[in-house]
């Protein structure tokens, strides 16, 4: 059961691609990690550009509550499709990473382990 639980937990806690790396699916794991990082980077750039018009002139006066209000009252209200599209893409990518880590763990579990010194004949 452990070959299934560990990659799923890694995918849930650390993000898409990490469970695939544990399952020794290196190419798929690095692609998923790259897609996640790229999506988060694109979202961060979009969010920072979208919030520029709402920020106070003195950048030192920004606190966490003001930033949350700007995002909730202006960015999400003015650009709901873009905001929720990024959120949905990341959610789908994360869900795919979790399900694929589970399926990869199941495949690993079913695969016979010939490294324990057993004879093939």
Protein backbone atom coordinates (compact mmCIF):
# COMPACT_ATOMS: atom_id res chain seq x y z
CA UNK A 1 0.00 0.00 0.00
CA UNK A 2 2.93 2.34 0.64
CA UNK A 3 3.91 2.62 -3.06
CA UNK A 4 0.49 4.19 -3.59
CA UNK A 5 0.19 6.42 -0.51
CA UNK A 6 3.60 8.12 -0.68
CA UNK A 7 3.37 9.51 -4.24
CA UNK A 8 -0.21 10.68 -3.63
CA UNK A 9 0.81 12.49 -0.42
CA UNK A 10 3.76 14.04 -2.20
CA UNK A 11 1.50 15.28 -5.01
CA UNK A 12 -1.07 16.63 -2.54
CA UNK A 13 1.39 18.37 -0.22
CA UNK A 14 4.17 19.48 -2.59
CA UNK A 15 2.38 19.87 -5.92
CA UNK A 16 2.01 18.25 -9.30
CA UNK A 17 4.98 16.27 -10.52
CA UNK A 18 6.54 15.32 -7.21
CA UNK A 19 4.56 12.08 -6.96
CA UNK A 20 5.63 11.24 -10.51
CA UNK A 21 9.27 11.73 -9.54
CA UNK A 22 8.78 9.29 -6.66
CA UNK A 23 7.24 6.82 -9.11
CA UNK A 24 10.37 7.21 -11.27
CA UNK A 25 8.42 8.88 -14.06
CA UNK A 26 11.04 11.60 -14.37
CA UNK A 27 10.03 13.10 -17.70
CA UNK A 28 6.37 13.43 -16.71
CA UNK A 29 7.32 14.73 -13.27
CA UNK A 30 9.56 17.49 -14.59
CA UNK A 31 6.97 18.46 -17.21
CA UNK A 32 4.28 18.78 -14.53
CA UNK A 33 6.58 20.76 -12.25
CA UNK A 34 7.53 23.04 -15.14
CA UNK A 35 3.89 23.57 -16.08
CA UNK A 36 3.01 24.37 -12.45
CA UNK A 37 5.85 26.84 -12.04
CA UNK A 38 5.05 28.43 -15.41
CA UNK A 39 1.37 28.76 -14.54
CA UNK A 40 2.12 30.26 -11.12
CA UNK A 41 4.64 32.66 -12.65
CA UNK A 42 2.16 33.75 -15.34
CA UNK A 43 -0.54 34.24 -12.70
CA UNK A 44 1.81 36.28 -10.50
CA UNK A 45 2.80 38.52 -13.42
CA UNK A 46 -0.82 39.00 -14.47
CA UNK A 47 -1.92 39.72 -10.89
CA UNK A 48 0.84 42.26 -10.31
CA UNK A 49 0.03 44.07 -13.58
CA UNK A 50 -3.70 44.02 -12.87
CA UNK A 51 -3.22 45.47 -9.39
CA UNK A 52 -0.88 48.34 -10.39
CA UNK A 53 -3.75 50.75 -10.94
CA UNK A 54 -5.17 50.15 -7.48
CA UNK A 55 -1.99 50.42 -5.42
CA UNK A 56 -1.30 53.56 -3.38
CA UNK A 57 1.46 55.90 -4.57
CA UNK A 58 3.63 55.09 -1.57
CA UNK A 59 4.44 51.39 -1.82
CA UNK A 60 5.63 51.31 1.81
CA UNK A 61 2.06 51.83 3.08
CA UNK A 62 0.79 48.51 1.70
CA UNK A 63 -0.16 45.91 4.26
CA UNK A 64 -1.68 42.46 3.90
CA UNK A 65 -5.26 43.64 4.52
CA UNK A 66 -5.03 46.36 1.86
CA UNK A 67 -3.63 43.91 -0.67
CA UNK A 68 -6.39 41.39 0.09
CA UNK A 69 -9.02 44.13 -0.37
CA UNK A 70 -7.50 45.19 -3.69
CA UNK A 71 -7.59 41.62 -4.96
CA UNK A 72 -11.10 40.85 -3.69
CA UNK A 73 -12.83 44.15 -4.45
CA UNK A 74 -11.10 45.16 -7.67
CA UNK A 75 -9.12 42.42 -9.42
CA UNK A 76 -11.66 39.59 -9.04
CA UNK A 77 -14.56 41.98 -9.68
CA UNK A 78 -13.01 43.54 -12.80
CA UNK A 79 -11.36 40.41 -14.25
CA UNK A 80 -13.31 37.38 -12.97
CA UNK A 81 -12.80 35.20 -16.05
CA UNK A 82 -9.03 35.57 -16.05
CA UNK A 83 -8.71 35.17 -12.29
CA UNK A 84 -10.84 32.05 -12.11
CA UNK A 85 -9.33 30.60 -15.29
CA UNK A 86 -5.88 30.62 -13.67
CA UNK A 87 -7.39 29.09 -10.56
CA UNK A 88 -9.16 26.38 -12.58
CA UNK A 89 -6.07 25.53 -14.66
CA UNK A 90 -3.98 25.12 -11.54
CA UNK A 91 -6.69 23.03 -9.88
CA UNK A 92 -6.97 20.73 -12.90
CA UNK A 93 -3.19 20.38 -13.11
CA UNK A 94 -3.00 19.56 -9.39
CA UNK A 95 -5.85 17.03 -9.64
CA UNK A 96 -4.19 15.39 -12.65
CA UNK A 97 -0.91 15.16 -10.72
CA UNK A 98 -2.64 13.49 -7.77
CA UNK A 99 -4.61 10.98 -9.85
CA UNK A 100 -1.62 10.17 -12.04
CA UNK A 101 0.60 9.70 -8.97
CA UNK A 102 -1.97 7.24 -7.61
CA UNK A 103 -2.16 5.34 -10.91
CA UNK A 104 1.63 5.30 -11.20
CA UNK A 105 1.88 3.97 -7.65
CA UNK A 106 -0.62 1.23 -8.50
CA UNK A 107 1.44 0.27 -11.57
CA UNK A 108 4.60 0.17 -9.44
CA UNK A 109 2.85 -2.00 -6.89
CA UNK A 110 1.75 -4.55 -9.50
CA UNK A 111 5.15 -4.70 -11.18
CA UNK A 112 7.19 -7.70 -9.99
CA UNK A 113 10.37 -6.80 -8.15
CA UNK A 114 13.20 -8.92 -9.50
CA UNK A 115 15.88 -7.13 -7.51
CA UNK A 116 15.40 -9.29 -4.38
CA UNK A 117 17.65 -12.04 -5.67
CA UNK A 118 14.88 -14.28 -6.93
CA UNK A 119 15.36 -16.48 -9.95
CA UNK A 120 13.56 -15.74 -13.17
CA UNK A 121 13.64 -19.40 -14.22
